[in-house]
Amino acid sequence: MLKKLHLTFNAVIVFLLSTFALNAEMKIPNNLILPADVIRIQLEGLMNNDKNYKDSGIEQTWNFAHPNNKKNTGPLPNFKMMIKGRSYKMLLNHISHTIEELGSSDKWAQFEVIILDKEKIYHKFNWQVEKYTGEGPLKDCWLTTIVSSPIPLGSSI
């Protein structure tokens, strides 16, 4: 009986450690992460979408979505379908990106994001983050509120 308990305990420990290792690179919002860094974290996740596990980049992006944004997109499975859909699929596994601040205050910041997708076509987005003013663990964290529809800018060739 004790041996079975010991084996079960070891299996639980191995499971927990492997789960922790899978999520080791997953960043969570905190009030020390600056607005441009929020977008960088999201874009790097999308650039390497399946690096840690299937759709880990989409989940990383979801972690930094403002609660009001999550209300509009629906739960994570809906968000995954939206990102994989026609409007935003060019973000997945893109080649490169640039982030340029367009304006900001102490409550919001807006950026122009240009990505080069895997088909070597450039796309421009307006990306906005806002400081969360509610209570709880997200208080004073910068989170994405708006990502515009992409504007194709043409081929890199």
C-alpha atoms as a PDB file:
ATOM      1  CA  MET A   1       0.000   0.000   0.000  1.00  0.00           C
ATOM      2  CA  LEU A   2       2.798   2.400   0.932  1.00  0.00           C
ATOM      3  CA  LYS A   3       4.654   1.556  -2.290  1.00  0.00           C
ATOM      4  CA  LYS A   4       1.525   2.357  -4.380  1.00  0.00           C
ATOM      5  CA  LEU A   5       1.122   5.646  -2.537  1.00  0.00           C
ATOM      6  CA  HIS A   6       4.788   6.471  -3.169  1.00  0.00           C
ATOM      7  CA  LEU A   7       4.433   5.696  -6.914  1.00  0.00           C
ATOM      8  CA  THR A   8       1.277   7.792  -7.150  1.00  0.00           C
ATOM      9  CA  PHE A   9       2.987  10.664  -5.354  1.00  0.00           C
ATOM     10  CA  ASN A  10       5.957  10.448  -7.758  1.00  0.00           C
ATOM     11  CA  ALA A  11       3.620  10.445 -10.777  1.00  0.00           C
ATOM     12  CA  VAL A  12       1.870  13.566  -9.484  1.00  0.00           C
ATOM     13  CA  ILE A  13       5.212  15.321  -8.938  1.00  0.00           C
ATOM     14  CA  VAL A  14       6.410  14.421 -12.470  1.00  0.00           C
ATOM     15  CA  PHE A  15       3.113  15.670 -13.936  1.00  0.00           C
ATOM     16  CA  LEU A  16       3.322  18.959 -12.036  1.00  0.00           C
ATOM     17  CA  LEU A  17       6.952  19.529 -12.998  1.00  0.00           C
ATOM     18  CA  SER A  18       6.272  18.824 -16.676  1.00  0.00           C
ATOM     19  CA  THR A  19       3.264  21.160 -16.633  1.00  0.00           C
ATOM     20  CA  PHE A  20       5.402  23.852 -15.011  1.00  0.00           C
ATOM     21  CA  ALA A  21       8.144  23.354 -17.620  1.00  0.00           C
ATOM     22  CA  LEU A  22       5.630  23.723 -20.472  1.00  0.00           C
ATOM     23  CA  ASN A  23       4.408  27.004 -19.040  1.00  0.00           C
ATOM     24  CA  ALA A  24       7.815  28.256 -17.901  1.00  0.00           C
ATOM     25  CA  GLU A  25       8.048  30.808 -20.686  1.00  0.00           C
ATOM     26  CA  MET A  26       4.427  31.958 -20.417  1.00  0.00           C
ATOM     27  CA  LYS A  27       4.433  35.529 -19.157  1.00  0.00           C
ATOM     28  CA  ILE A  28       1.614  36.913 -17.060  1.00  0.00           C
ATOM     29  CA  PRO A  29       0.668  40.573 -16.701  1.00  0.00           C
ATOM     30  CA  ASN A  30       2.209  42.614 -13.932  1.00  0.00           C
ATOM     31  CA  ASN A  31       2.319  46.346 -13.327  1.00  0.00           C
ATOM     32  CA  LEU A  32       6.041  46.565 -14.157  1.00  0.00           C
ATOM     33  CA  ILE A  33       5.575  45.596 -17.820  1.00  0.00           C
ATOM     34  CA  LEU A  34       5.541  48.703 -20.022  1.00  0.00           C
ATOM     35  CA  PRO A  35       2.979  49.247 -22.823  1.00  0.00           C
ATOM     36  CA  ALA A  36       5.342  48.490 -25.739  1.00  0.00           C
ATOM     37  CA  ASP A  37       6.563  45.385 -23.918  1.00  0.00           C
ATOM     38  CA  VAL A  38       2.993  44.078 -23.644  1.00  0.00           C
ATOM     39  CA  ILE A  39       2.724  44.230 -27.424  1.00  0.00           C
ATOM     40  CA  ARG A  40       6.204  42.741 -27.867  1.00  0.00           C
ATOM     41  CA  ILE A  41       5.275  39.798 -25.601  1.00  0.00           C
ATOM     42  CA  GLN A  42       2.092  39.210 -27.589  1.00  0.00           C
ATOM     43  CA  LEU A  43       3.794  39.473 -30.980  1.00  0.00           C
ATOM     44  CA  GLU A  44       6.673  37.194 -29.985  1.00  0.00           C
ATOM     45  CA  GLY A  45       4.136  34.646 -28.773  1.00  0.00           C
ATOM     46  CA  LEU A  46       2.224  34.810 -32.060  1.00  0.00           C
ATOM     47  CA  MET A  47       5.484  34.687 -34.037  1.00  0.00           C
ATOM     48  CA  ASN A  48       6.290  31.383 -32.290  1.00  0.00           C
ATOM     49  CA  ASN A  49       2.736  30.161 -31.818  1.00  0.00           C
ATOM     50  CA  ASP A  50       3.398  26.462 -31.237  1.00  0.00           C
ATOM     51  CA  LYS A  51       6.834  26.794 -29.594  1.00  0.00           C
ATOM     52  CA  ASN A  52       5.896  25.547 -26.116  1.00  0.00           C
ATOM     53  CA  TYR A  53       2.736  23.638 -27.094  1.00  0.00           C
ATOM     54  CA  LYS A  54      -0.050  23.988 -29.658  1.00  0.00           C
ATOM     55  CA  ASP A  55      -1.365  27.592 -29.666  1.00  0.00           C
ATOM     56  CA  SER A  56       0.825  28.682 -26.752  1.00  0.00           C
ATOM     57  CA  GLY A  57       1.399  31.992 -28.566  1.00  0.00           C
ATOM     58  CA  ILE A  58      -2.321  32.643 -28.874  1.00  0.00           C
ATOM     59  CA  GLU A  59      -2.707  31.845 -25.178  1.00  0.00           C
ATOM     60  CA  GLN A  60       0.167  34.213 -24.384  1.00  0.00           C
ATOM     61  CA  THR A  61      -1.644  36.938 -26.326  1.00  0.00           C
ATOM     62  CA  TRP A  62      -4.885  36.133 -24.493  1.00  0.00           C
ATOM     63  CA  ASN A  63      -3.116  36.584 -21.129  1.00  0.00           C
ATOM     64  CA  PHE A  64      -2.527  40.252 -21.995  1.00  0.00           C
ATOM     65  CA  ALA A  65      -5.994  40.981 -23.389  1.00  0.00           C
ATOM     66  CA  HIS A  66      -7.982  43.500 -21.353  1.00  0.00           C
ATOM     67  CA  PRO A  67     -11.070  41.977 -19.652  1.00  0.00           C
ATOM     68  CA  ASN A  68     -13.299  44.264 -21.758  1.00  0.00           C
ATOM     69  CA  ASN A  69     -11.599  42.932 -24.876  1.00  0.00           C
ATOM     70  CA  LYS A  70     -12.183  39.360 -23.665  1.00  0.00           C
ATOM     71  CA  LYS A  71     -15.892  40.152 -23.258  1.00  0.00           C
ATOM     72  CA  ASN A  72     -15.997  41.157 -26.935  1.00  0.00           C
ATOM     73  CA  THR A  73     -14.029  38.196 -28.266  1.00  0.00           C
ATOM     74  CA  GLY A  74     -15.607  35.580 -26.039  1.00  0.00           C
ATOM     75  CA  PRO A  75     -13.752  32.776 -24.236  1.00  0.00           C
ATOM     76  CA  LEU A  76     -10.297  31.502 -25.240  1.00  0.00           C
ATOM     77  CA  PRO A  77     -11.567  28.930 -27.817  1.00  0.00           C
ATOM     78  CA  ASN A  78     -13.405  31.748 -29.644  1.00  0.00           C
ATOM     79  CA  PHE A  79     -10.294  33.933 -29.456  1.00  0.00           C
ATOM     80  CA  LYS A  80      -8.217  31.107 -30.979  1.00  0.00           C
ATOM     81  CA  MET A  81     -10.689  30.781 -33.857  1.00  0.00           C
ATOM     82  CA  MET A  82     -10.634  34.552 -34.391  1.00  0.00           C
ATOM     83  CA  ILE A  83      -6.806  34.682 -34.549  1.00  0.00           C
ATOM     84  CA  LYS A  84      -6.728  31.703 -36.942  1.00  0.00           C
ATOM     85  CA  GLY A  85      -9.433  33.292 -39.097  1.00  0.00           C
ATOM     86  CA  ARG A  86      -8.962  35.343 -42.257  1.00  0.00           C
ATOM     87  CA  SER A  87      -8.550  38.698 -40.493  1.00  0.00           C
ATOM     88  CA  TYR A  88      -5.644  37.865 -38.174  1.00  0.00           C
ATOM     89  CA  LYS A  89      -4.029  34.611 -39.357  1.00  0.00           C
ATOM     90  CA  MET A  90      -1.076  36.562 -40.819  1.00  0.00           C
ATOM     91  CA  LEU A  91       0.041  37.207 -37.226  1.00  0.00           C
ATOM     92  CA  LEU A  92       0.665  33.500 -36.665  1.00  0.00           C
ATOM     93  CA  ASN A  93       4.258  32.475 -37.252  1.00  0.00           C
ATOM     94  CA  HIS A  94       5.105  35.812 -38.871  1.00  0.00           C
ATOM     95  CA  ILE A  95       8.729  36.528 -39.812  1.00  0.00           C
ATOM     96  CA  SER A  96       9.282  39.906 -38.148  1.00  0.00           C
ATOM     97  CA  HIS A  97       7.545  42.900 -36.611  1.00  0.00           C
ATOM     98  CA  THR A  98       8.131  46.527 -35.679  1.00  0.00           C
ATOM     99  CA  ILE A  99       6.381  48.518 -32.955  1.00  0.00           C
ATOM    100  CA  GLU A 100       6.213  52.321 -33.062  1.00  0.00           C
ATOM    101  CA  GLU A 101       4.425  54.443 -30.469  1.00  0.00           C
ATOM    102  CA  LEU A 102       1.878  56.851 -31.962  1.00  0.00           C
ATOM    103  CA  GLY A 103       0.706  58.484 -28.734  1.00  0.00           C
ATOM    104  CA  SER A 104       0.162  57.844 -25.048  1.00  0.00           C
ATOM    105  CA  SER A 105      -1.041  59.114 -21.702  1.00  0.00           C
ATOM    106  CA  ASP A 106      -0.846  57.656 -18.211  1.00  0.00           C
ATOM    107  CA  LYS A 107      -3.940  55.520 -19.016  1.00  0.00           C
ATOM    108  CA  TRP A 108      -3.507  54.433 -22.658  1.00  0.00           C
ATOM    109  CA  ALA A 109      -0.910  54.005 -25.382  1.00  0.00           C
ATOM    110  CA  GLN A 110      -1.383  53.478 -29.100  1.00  0.00           C
ATOM    111  CA  PHE A 111       1.129  51.876 -31.439  1.00  0.00           C
ATOM    112  CA  GLU A 112       1.589  51.163 -35.107  1.00  0.00           C
ATOM    113  CA  VAL A 113       2.606  47.563 -35.598  1.00  0.00           C
ATOM    114  CA  ILE A 114       3.954  46.314 -38.906  1.00  0.00           C
ATOM    115  CA  ILE A 115       4.447  42.609 -39.408  1.00  0.00           C
ATOM    116  CA  LEU A 116       6.039  40.664 -42.229  1.00  0.00           C
ATOM    117  CA  ASP A 117       4.001  37.489 -42.572  1.00  0.00           C
ATOM    118  CA  LYS A 118       5.322  34.096 -43.642  1.00  0.00           C
ATOM    119  CA  GLU A 119       4.183  34.849 -47.225  1.00  0.00           C
ATOM    120  CA  LYS A 120       6.520  37.901 -47.129  1.00  0.00           C
ATOM    121  CA  ILE A 121       3.684  40.426 -47.184  1.00  0.00           C
ATOM    122  CA  TYR A 122       3.677  43.418 -44.828  1.00  0.00           C
ATOM    123  CA  HIS A 123       0.577  44.278 -42.773  1.00  0.00           C
ATOM    124  CA  LYS A 124      -0.045  47.310 -40.580  1.00  0.00           C
ATOM    125  CA  PHE A 125      -2.132  47.316 -37.385  1.00  0.00           C
ATOM    126  CA  ASN A 126      -3.096  49.940 -34.850  1.00  0.00           C
ATOM    127  CA  TRP A 127      -2.646  48.336 -31.437  1.00  0.00           C
ATOM    128  CA  GLN A 128      -3.871  49.970 -28.247  1.00  0.00           C
ATOM    129  CA  VAL A 129      -3.207  49.113 -24.624  1.00  0.00           C
ATOM    130  CA  GLU A 130      -4.808  50.587 -21.533  1.00  0.00           C
ATOM    131  CA  LYS A 131      -3.935  50.467 -17.860  1.00  0.00           C
ATOM    132  CA  TYR A 132      -6.422  48.268 -16.032  1.00  0.00           C
ATOM    133  CA  THR A 133      -8.154  50.273 -13.313  1.00  0.00           C
ATOM    134  CA  GLY A 134     -10.182  47.485 -11.731  1.00  0.00           C
ATOM    135  CA  GLU A 135      -9.256  45.512  -8.650  1.00  0.00           C
ATOM    136  CA  GLY A 136      -7.417  42.233  -8.370  1.00  0.00           C
ATOM    137  CA  PRO A 137      -4.179  40.891  -9.840  1.00  0.00           C
ATOM    138  CA  LEU A 138      -4.526  42.934 -13.064  1.00  0.00           C
ATOM    139  CA  LYS A 139      -4.741  46.288 -11.257  1.00  0.00           C
ATOM    140  CA  ASP A 140      -2.436  48.844 -12.945  1.00  0.00           C
ATOM    141  CA  CYS A 141      -1.342  46.348 -15.626  1.00  0.00           C
ATOM    142  CA  TRP A 142      -1.153  47.416 -19.269  1.00  0.00           C
ATOM    143  CA  LEU A 143      -3.483  45.239 -21.357  1.00  0.00           C
ATOM    144  CA  THR A 144      -4.553  45.205 -25.003  1.00  0.00           C
ATOM    145  CA  THR A 145      -7.932  46.804 -25.680  1.00  0.00           C
ATOM    146  CA  ILE A 146      -7.927  47.250 -29.470  1.00  0.00           C
ATOM    147  CA  VAL A 147      -6.208  45.666 -32.446  1.00  0.00           C
ATOM    148  CA  SER A 148      -7.382  47.082 -35.759  1.00  0.00           C
ATOM    149  CA  SER A 149      -8.056  45.071 -38.854  1.00  0.00           C
ATOM    150  CA  PRO A 150      -4.846  44.621 -40.835  1.00  0.00           C
ATOM    151  CA  ILE A 151      -3.951  46.951 -43.675  1.00  0.00           C
ATOM    152  CA  PRO A 152      -1.932  45.084 -46.326  1.00  0.00           C
ATOM    153  CA  LEU A 153       1.154  47.067 -47.338  1.00  0.00           C
ATOM    154  CA  GLY A 154       2.406  44.817 -50.113  1.00  0.00           C
ATOM    155  CA  SER A 155       5.144  42.318 -50.701  1.00  0.00           C
ATOM    156  CA  SER A 156       8.689  42.531 -49.402  1.00  0.00           C
ATOM    157  CA  ILE A 157      10.067  41.375 -52.765  1.00  0.00           C
END
